[in-house]
N, C-alpha and C. Protein backbone atom coordinates (compact mmCIF):
# COMPACT_ATOMS: atom_id res chain seq x y z
N MET A 1 18.86 2.54 10.79
CA MET A 1 18.05 1.59 11.53
C MET A 1 16.61 2.11 11.61
N VAL A 2 15.70 1.19 11.45
CA VAL A 2 14.29 1.53 11.48
C VAL A 2 13.76 1.31 12.89
N THR A 3 13.29 2.38 13.51
CA THR A 3 12.74 2.27 14.86
C THR A 3 11.28 2.69 14.93
N ARG A 4 10.82 3.40 13.90
CA ARG A 4 9.42 3.86 13.84
C ARG A 4 8.89 3.56 12.45
N PHE A 5 7.58 3.42 12.32
CA PHE A 5 7.04 3.15 11.00
C PHE A 5 7.33 4.29 10.03
N GLU A 6 7.50 5.49 10.58
CA GLU A 6 7.80 6.65 9.73
C GLU A 6 9.17 6.54 9.07
N ASP A 7 10.03 5.66 9.59
CA ASP A 7 11.34 5.44 9.00
C ASP A 7 11.29 4.55 7.76
N LEU A 8 10.20 3.84 7.59
CA LEU A 8 10.08 2.90 6.48
C LEU A 8 9.83 3.64 5.16
N VAL A 9 10.68 3.40 4.19
CA VAL A 9 10.49 3.97 2.85
C VAL A 9 9.13 3.54 2.31
N THR A 10 8.76 2.31 2.56
CA THR A 10 7.47 1.79 2.09
C THR A 10 6.31 2.62 2.64
N TRP A 11 6.36 2.95 3.91
CA TRP A 11 5.29 3.76 4.50
C TRP A 11 5.28 5.16 3.90
N ARG A 12 6.47 5.76 3.74
CA ARG A 12 6.53 7.12 3.19
C ARG A 12 5.99 7.17 1.76
N LYS A 13 6.33 6.17 0.96
CA LYS A 13 5.84 6.14 -0.42
C LYS A 13 4.33 5.87 -0.45
N SER A 14 3.84 5.04 0.44
CA SER A 14 2.40 4.78 0.47
C SER A 14 1.64 6.01 0.97
N ARG A 15 2.25 6.77 1.85
CA ARG A 15 1.65 8.02 2.30
C ARG A 15 1.52 8.99 1.13
N ARG A 16 2.58 9.09 0.35
CA ARG A 16 2.56 9.96 -0.83
C ARG A 16 1.50 9.49 -1.83
N LEU A 17 1.40 8.17 -2.02
CA LEU A 17 0.38 7.62 -2.92
C LEU A 17 -1.02 8.00 -2.43
N ALA A 18 -1.27 7.85 -1.13
CA ALA A 18 -2.59 8.18 -0.59
C ALA A 18 -2.92 9.66 -0.82
N ALA A 19 -1.96 10.52 -0.59
CA ALA A 19 -2.19 11.95 -0.81
C ALA A 19 -2.51 12.23 -2.28
N GLU A 20 -1.80 11.57 -3.18
CA GLU A 20 -2.05 11.77 -4.62
C GLU A 20 -3.42 11.22 -5.02
N VAL A 21 -3.83 10.12 -4.42
CA VAL A 21 -5.16 9.57 -4.71
C VAL A 21 -6.23 10.56 -4.23
N PHE A 22 -6.03 11.15 -3.07
CA PHE A 22 -6.99 12.14 -2.58
C PHE A 22 -7.07 13.34 -3.52
N ARG A 23 -5.91 13.79 -4.01
CA ARG A 23 -5.91 14.92 -4.96
C ARG A 23 -6.67 14.54 -6.24
N ALA A 24 -6.35 13.38 -6.77
CA ALA A 24 -6.97 12.95 -8.04
C ALA A 24 -8.47 12.76 -7.90
N THR A 25 -8.91 12.22 -6.76
CA THR A 25 -10.34 11.96 -6.58
C THR A 25 -11.11 13.21 -6.19
N SER A 26 -10.41 14.31 -5.98
CA SER A 26 -11.07 15.59 -5.68
C SER A 26 -11.40 16.36 -6.95
N GLY A 27 -10.90 15.88 -8.07
CA GLY A 27 -11.17 16.55 -9.35
C GLY A 27 -12.62 16.40 -9.76
N PRO A 28 -13.08 17.23 -10.68
CA PRO A 28 -14.50 17.25 -11.04
C PRO A 28 -15.03 15.93 -11.60
N SER A 29 -14.25 15.23 -12.41
CA SER A 29 -14.79 14.01 -13.02
C SER A 29 -14.95 12.87 -12.01
N LEU A 30 -14.04 12.74 -11.08
CA LEU A 30 -14.19 11.68 -10.07
C LEU A 30 -15.12 12.10 -8.95
N ARG A 31 -15.28 13.39 -8.75
CA ARG A 31 -16.23 13.85 -7.72
C ARG A 31 -17.65 13.39 -8.07
N ARG A 32 -17.94 13.31 -9.37
CA ARG A 32 -19.27 12.84 -9.80
C ARG A 32 -19.43 11.33 -9.57
N GLN A 33 -18.32 10.62 -9.49
CA GLN A 33 -18.33 9.17 -9.25
C GLN A 33 -18.00 8.93 -7.77
N PHE A 34 -18.91 9.39 -6.90
CA PHE A 34 -18.62 9.41 -5.47
C PHE A 34 -18.22 8.04 -4.92
N ALA A 35 -18.97 7.01 -5.26
CA ALA A 35 -18.71 5.68 -4.69
C ALA A 35 -17.31 5.19 -5.08
N LEU A 36 -16.95 5.36 -6.34
CA LEU A 36 -15.63 4.92 -6.79
C LEU A 36 -14.53 5.75 -6.13
N ALA A 37 -14.71 7.05 -6.11
CA ALA A 37 -13.71 7.92 -5.49
C ALA A 37 -13.53 7.58 -4.01
N ASP A 38 -14.63 7.34 -3.32
CA ASP A 38 -14.57 7.00 -1.90
C ASP A 38 -13.83 5.67 -1.70
N GLN A 39 -14.11 4.69 -2.55
CA GLN A 39 -13.45 3.39 -2.42
C GLN A 39 -11.96 3.48 -2.74
N MET A 40 -11.61 4.31 -3.71
CA MET A 40 -10.19 4.52 -4.03
C MET A 40 -9.47 5.14 -2.84
N ARG A 41 -10.11 6.10 -2.21
CA ARG A 41 -9.52 6.75 -1.04
C ARG A 41 -9.35 5.75 0.10
N ARG A 42 -10.38 4.94 0.32
CA ARG A 42 -10.32 3.95 1.39
C ARG A 42 -9.20 2.94 1.16
N ALA A 43 -9.04 2.50 -0.08
CA ALA A 43 -7.98 1.54 -0.39
C ALA A 43 -6.61 2.17 -0.14
N ALA A 44 -6.44 3.42 -0.58
CA ALA A 44 -5.15 4.10 -0.39
C ALA A 44 -4.85 4.31 1.09
N VAL A 45 -5.85 4.68 1.85
CA VAL A 45 -5.68 4.88 3.30
C VAL A 45 -5.38 3.53 3.96
N SER A 46 -6.00 2.49 3.50
CA SER A 46 -5.77 1.16 4.05
C SER A 46 -4.32 0.72 3.88
N ILE A 47 -3.72 1.04 2.75
CA ILE A 47 -2.34 0.67 2.50
C ILE A 47 -1.43 1.28 3.56
N VAL A 48 -1.46 2.59 3.67
CA VAL A 48 -0.58 3.30 4.59
C VAL A 48 -0.89 2.94 6.05
N SER A 49 -2.15 2.77 6.36
CA SER A 49 -2.54 2.45 7.74
C SER A 49 -2.11 1.05 8.15
N ASN A 50 -2.27 0.09 7.27
CA ASN A 50 -1.89 -1.28 7.60
C ASN A 50 -0.38 -1.44 7.77
N ILE A 51 0.39 -0.71 7.00
CA ILE A 51 1.84 -0.76 7.18
C ILE A 51 2.20 -0.23 8.57
N ALA A 52 1.61 0.90 8.94
CA ALA A 52 1.89 1.49 10.26
C ALA A 52 1.41 0.59 11.38
N GLU A 53 0.19 0.11 11.27
CA GLU A 53 -0.37 -0.72 12.34
C GLU A 53 0.42 -2.01 12.51
N GLY A 54 0.76 -2.65 11.41
CA GLY A 54 1.54 -3.89 11.49
C GLY A 54 2.89 -3.67 12.12
N PHE A 55 3.56 -2.59 11.76
CA PHE A 55 4.87 -2.29 12.33
C PHE A 55 4.76 -2.11 13.84
N GLU A 56 3.75 -1.39 14.27
CA GLU A 56 3.59 -1.08 15.69
C GLU A 56 3.18 -2.29 16.53
N ARG A 57 2.78 -3.37 15.90
CA ARG A 57 2.43 -4.58 16.64
C ARG A 57 3.67 -5.24 17.25
N LYS A 58 4.85 -4.87 16.76
CA LYS A 58 6.13 -5.35 17.30
C LYS A 58 6.29 -6.87 17.22
N SER A 59 5.62 -7.48 16.28
CA SER A 59 5.73 -8.92 16.07
C SER A 59 5.92 -9.16 14.58
N PRO A 60 6.95 -9.90 14.18
CA PRO A 60 7.14 -10.16 12.75
C PRO A 60 5.93 -10.84 12.11
N GLN A 61 5.28 -11.74 12.84
CA GLN A 61 4.10 -12.42 12.28
C GLN A 61 2.96 -11.43 12.06
N ASP A 62 2.73 -10.56 13.04
CA ASP A 62 1.67 -9.55 12.89
C ASP A 62 2.01 -8.58 11.76
N PHE A 63 3.26 -8.15 11.72
CA PHE A 63 3.67 -7.22 10.67
C PHE A 63 3.46 -7.86 9.30
N ALA A 64 3.84 -9.12 9.16
CA ALA A 64 3.66 -9.83 7.89
C ALA A 64 2.18 -9.90 7.51
N ARG A 65 1.33 -10.17 8.49
CA ARG A 65 -0.11 -10.25 8.22
C ARG A 65 -0.65 -8.90 7.74
N PHE A 66 -0.26 -7.82 8.40
CA PHE A 66 -0.74 -6.50 8.00
C PHE A 66 -0.14 -6.07 6.66
N LEU A 67 1.05 -6.53 6.35
CA LEU A 67 1.62 -6.25 5.03
C LEU A 67 0.81 -6.96 3.95
N ARG A 68 0.30 -8.16 4.24
CA ARG A 68 -0.58 -8.84 3.27
C ARG A 68 -1.83 -8.01 3.02
N TYR A 69 -2.40 -7.45 4.08
CA TYR A 69 -3.58 -6.59 3.93
C TYR A 69 -3.23 -5.36 3.07
N ALA A 70 -2.08 -4.75 3.38
CA ALA A 70 -1.66 -3.56 2.64
C ALA A 70 -1.45 -3.88 1.16
N LYS A 71 -0.83 -5.02 0.87
CA LYS A 71 -0.58 -5.40 -0.52
C LYS A 71 -1.90 -5.67 -1.25
N ALA A 72 -2.83 -6.30 -0.55
CA ALA A 72 -4.15 -6.55 -1.15
C ALA A 72 -4.88 -5.23 -1.43
N SER A 73 -4.78 -4.28 -0.51
CA SER A 73 -5.40 -2.97 -0.73
C SER A 73 -4.74 -2.24 -1.89
N CYS A 74 -3.46 -2.46 -2.07
CA CYS A 74 -2.73 -1.85 -3.19
C CYS A 74 -3.26 -2.43 -4.51
N ALA A 75 -3.49 -3.73 -4.54
CA ALA A 75 -4.07 -4.36 -5.75
C ALA A 75 -5.48 -3.84 -5.99
N GLU A 76 -6.24 -3.67 -4.92
CA GLU A 76 -7.60 -3.12 -5.03
C GLU A 76 -7.55 -1.72 -5.65
N LEU A 77 -6.65 -0.90 -5.16
CA LEU A 77 -6.51 0.45 -5.70
C LEU A 77 -6.14 0.41 -7.17
N ARG A 78 -5.19 -0.44 -7.54
CA ARG A 78 -4.78 -0.53 -8.95
C ARG A 78 -5.97 -0.92 -9.83
N SER A 79 -6.79 -1.84 -9.36
CA SER A 79 -7.98 -2.24 -10.11
C SER A 79 -8.95 -1.07 -10.26
N GLN A 80 -9.12 -0.31 -9.21
CA GLN A 80 -10.02 0.85 -9.25
C GLN A 80 -9.49 1.93 -10.18
N LEU A 81 -8.18 2.06 -10.26
CA LEU A 81 -7.59 3.03 -11.19
C LEU A 81 -7.95 2.66 -12.63
N TYR A 82 -7.90 1.37 -12.94
CA TYR A 82 -8.30 0.93 -14.29
C TYR A 82 -9.76 1.28 -14.57
N LEU A 83 -10.62 1.03 -13.60
CA LEU A 83 -12.03 1.34 -13.77
C LEU A 83 -12.24 2.84 -13.98
N ALA A 84 -11.55 3.65 -13.17
CA ALA A 84 -11.66 5.10 -13.32
C ALA A 84 -11.19 5.56 -14.69
N LEU A 85 -10.15 4.92 -15.20
CA LEU A 85 -9.68 5.23 -16.56
C LEU A 85 -10.72 4.81 -17.59
N ASP A 86 -11.27 3.61 -17.43
CA ASP A 86 -12.25 3.08 -18.39
C ASP A 86 -13.50 3.94 -18.52
N ILE A 87 -13.92 4.54 -17.41
CA ILE A 87 -15.13 5.37 -17.47
C ILE A 87 -14.78 6.84 -17.68
N GLU A 88 -13.52 7.09 -17.98
CA GLU A 88 -13.00 8.43 -18.27
C GLU A 88 -13.17 9.40 -17.11
N ALA A 89 -13.09 8.86 -15.90
CA ALA A 89 -13.14 9.72 -14.72
C ALA A 89 -11.72 10.08 -14.27
N LEU A 90 -10.74 9.45 -14.88
CA LEU A 90 -9.33 9.70 -14.57
C LEU A 90 -8.60 9.85 -15.89
N SER A 91 -7.79 10.88 -16.00
CA SER A 91 -7.05 11.11 -17.24
C SER A 91 -5.98 10.03 -17.42
N PRO A 92 -5.60 9.74 -18.66
CA PRO A 92 -4.53 8.76 -18.89
C PRO A 92 -3.24 9.13 -18.16
N ASP A 93 -2.92 10.42 -18.08
CA ASP A 93 -1.71 10.83 -17.38
C ASP A 93 -1.80 10.54 -15.88
N ASP A 94 -2.94 10.88 -15.27
CA ASP A 94 -3.12 10.59 -13.85
C ASP A 94 -3.12 9.08 -13.60
N PHE A 95 -3.78 8.33 -14.48
CA PHE A 95 -3.79 6.87 -14.35
C PHE A 95 -2.36 6.34 -14.38
N SER A 96 -1.58 6.78 -15.34
CA SER A 96 -0.21 6.30 -15.49
C SER A 96 0.62 6.62 -14.25
N ARG A 97 0.52 7.85 -13.79
CA ARG A 97 1.29 8.29 -12.62
C ARG A 97 0.90 7.51 -11.37
N LEU A 98 -0.40 7.41 -11.11
CA LEU A 98 -0.87 6.71 -9.92
C LEU A 98 -0.60 5.21 -10.00
N SER A 99 -0.73 4.64 -11.17
CA SER A 99 -0.45 3.22 -11.36
C SER A 99 1.01 2.92 -11.08
N ARG A 100 1.89 3.76 -11.60
CA ARG A 100 3.33 3.58 -11.33
C ARG A 100 3.62 3.65 -9.84
N MET A 101 3.01 4.62 -9.19
CA MET A 101 3.22 4.77 -7.75
C MET A 101 2.70 3.53 -7.00
N ALA A 102 1.52 3.06 -7.37
CA ALA A 102 0.93 1.89 -6.71
C ALA A 102 1.77 0.64 -6.95
N LEU A 103 2.27 0.48 -8.17
CA LEU A 103 3.13 -0.67 -8.46
C LEU A 103 4.41 -0.62 -7.61
N GLU A 104 4.99 0.57 -7.49
CA GLU A 104 6.19 0.71 -6.67
C GLU A 104 5.91 0.37 -5.21
N VAL A 105 4.81 0.88 -4.69
CA VAL A 105 4.44 0.58 -3.30
C VAL A 105 4.23 -0.93 -3.14
N GLY A 106 3.56 -1.56 -4.09
CA GLY A 106 3.35 -3.00 -4.03
C GLY A 106 4.67 -3.77 -4.02
N ARG A 107 5.62 -3.33 -4.83
CA ARG A 107 6.94 -3.98 -4.86
C ARG A 107 7.67 -3.78 -3.53
N LEU A 108 7.58 -2.59 -2.97
CA LEU A 108 8.23 -2.33 -1.69
C LEU A 108 7.61 -3.17 -0.57
N ILE A 109 6.31 -3.30 -0.59
CA ILE A 109 5.64 -4.15 0.40
C ILE A 109 6.11 -5.59 0.23
N GLY A 110 6.19 -6.05 -1.01
CA GLY A 110 6.68 -7.40 -1.28
C GLY A 110 8.10 -7.60 -0.77
N GLY A 111 8.93 -6.59 -0.90
CA GLY A 111 10.29 -6.66 -0.39
C GLY A 111 10.32 -6.79 1.13
N LEU A 112 9.46 -6.03 1.80
CA LEU A 112 9.36 -6.15 3.25
C LEU A 112 8.87 -7.53 3.66
N GLN A 113 7.91 -8.06 2.91
CA GLN A 113 7.41 -9.40 3.20
C GLN A 113 8.52 -10.43 3.08
N THR A 114 9.32 -10.33 2.03
CA THR A 114 10.43 -11.26 1.83
C THR A 114 11.43 -11.14 2.96
N TYR A 115 11.76 -9.92 3.35
CA TYR A 115 12.69 -9.69 4.46
C TYR A 115 12.17 -10.34 5.74
N LEU A 116 10.90 -10.11 6.07
CA LEU A 116 10.34 -10.68 7.29
C LEU A 116 10.33 -12.20 7.24
N TYR A 117 10.04 -12.76 6.08
CA TYR A 117 10.04 -14.21 5.94
C TYR A 117 11.44 -14.76 6.20
N ARG A 118 12.45 -14.10 5.63
CA ARG A 118 13.84 -14.55 5.82
C ARG A 118 14.25 -14.46 7.30
N VAL A 119 13.93 -13.34 7.93
CA VAL A 119 14.28 -13.16 9.34
C VAL A 119 13.59 -14.22 10.19
N HIS A 120 12.32 -14.43 9.95
CA HIS A 120 11.56 -15.41 10.71
C HIS A 120 12.13 -16.82 10.49
N ARG A 121 12.46 -17.15 9.27
CA ARG A 121 13.02 -18.45 8.92
C ARG A 121 14.38 -18.66 9.59
N GLU A 122 15.23 -17.63 9.54
CA GLU A 122 16.55 -17.73 10.15
C GLU A 122 16.45 -17.91 11.66
N ARG A 123 15.51 -17.21 12.29
CA ARG A 123 15.32 -17.37 13.74
C ARG A 123 14.86 -18.79 14.06
N ALA A 124 13.95 -19.31 13.26
CA ALA A 124 13.45 -20.67 13.49
C ALA A 124 14.58 -21.68 13.34
N ILE A 125 15.43 -21.51 12.34
CA ILE A 125 16.56 -22.42 12.13
C ILE A 125 17.52 -22.33 13.30
N ARG A 126 17.82 -21.13 13.78
CA ARG A 126 18.70 -20.96 14.93
C ARG A 126 18.13 -21.66 16.17
N ASN A 127 16.80 -21.54 16.35
CA ASN A 127 16.17 -22.17 17.50
C ASN A 127 16.25 -23.70 17.41
N ILE A 128 16.11 -24.23 16.22
CA ILE A 128 16.19 -25.68 16.02
C ILE A 128 17.61 -26.17 16.30
N ASN A 129 18.59 -25.39 15.86
CA ASN A 129 19.99 -25.78 16.01
C ASN A 129 20.56 -25.52 17.41
N SER A 130 19.78 -24.83 18.25
CA SER A 130 20.28 -24.50 19.60
C SER A 130 20.12 -25.65 20.55
């Protein structure tokens, strides 16, 4: 049973992704691209933070809204990874690893969104039938 945001696999994987983004952006080639590295870090932090904040709101509607923000930040990060690869500030291996992680986090967020939608829909149907 999930009682804290720390129990969510999605949050734990997004935390790991954020840490890996920080490691990758600390390397010499991305350090020279300060604006891009900073934006990549912000997007990664936004993912993990929005999942936690939405969960703590204790409302399925609020959680769903914050999951939309987290998923959008995940897409932003994936786009920035491509740019970092294109300008050769990120190695192909790092790009591949981080992209896979970001895709997985995005899928997990999508799964949570689907779950919340189903729960919300079922509650609404029960209320109508009561």
